Amino acid sequence: MNTQSSFVIVIAAFNAATTIASVLRDLNNLYPDAPKIVVDDGSSDGTGEIAIAEGARLITHPTNMGSGAAFKSGLRCSLGYAPDCVVTLGADNQRDPVDIQRMITALEKDPQISCIIGSKYAMRNDVPFARRCGGMALTFIFRILFPSCRHLTDVLSGFRAIRPEYVPLLLDCPDRYDFEAACCCLMASKGLRIGEIPVTVRYHSESTRMRWPLFEGVRIALRMLSLRIIKMI
């Protein structure tokens, strides 16, 4: 990649009618030439129609299949653009789009890195207590299972810049909330290097609730353990 790198932005969205327009307008202002792929994961509030009105390419799931399934649909589609990099994020308007260029720059600086994660825990952010505890606990488990990645602080972040040659590998990851952690486990098990930069996060009234309950946290932990066991076999 170089300073003129092309990249595609993949946005996973579910009932995001209150935020998707702001997300896309910010992205269009900063990165007008970058294709934006919105995957509407079975929304019932008109999310898809708003995305189209803001100029995004829309992929629609007829039913809610999970955030992992949404990201995978967008990642498959992104390869058709032959990009130098694929950026993923959610539609909740929590991310500062300025950080996208920072992630891409970090990826460009080290050709050995397969993916850059935007970590909300690597700098001071006002993350709700329950969300911080859950995210950091699962990241701690990941770092024990995969010591080569003990520098990572936020394996649940869906805000990432990924080299396109590794996208096919990620399509084998699960469809639901364990997708992000499973991607890290799979990359680590293949000996791939994962980088990270601190990013800002902004919470609003629609995004302060935990997106996954306790049993989903247990599911994520078990998924990481199973991938580690598979690596050892």
Foldseek 3Di string as FASTA:
>chain_A
DDPPFAEAEEEEEAQLPVFQLVVLVQCCVVPVPHAYEYEYQCHDNCSQVSCVVSPHHYHYDVHHQASQQSVLVRLVVRVVVVGQKYWYAYRNPFFDVVCVVVQVVVCVVDVQAFKEFADQPVDDAPADPVVQVLQQVLLVLLCVLQVVVVVDRGQQHRGMMGGSVCSVVLSPADGHSLSSNLSVLSCSLVVGHYHYDYGYTDDDPVPNDDPDDPVVSVVNSVSSVVSSVVSVD
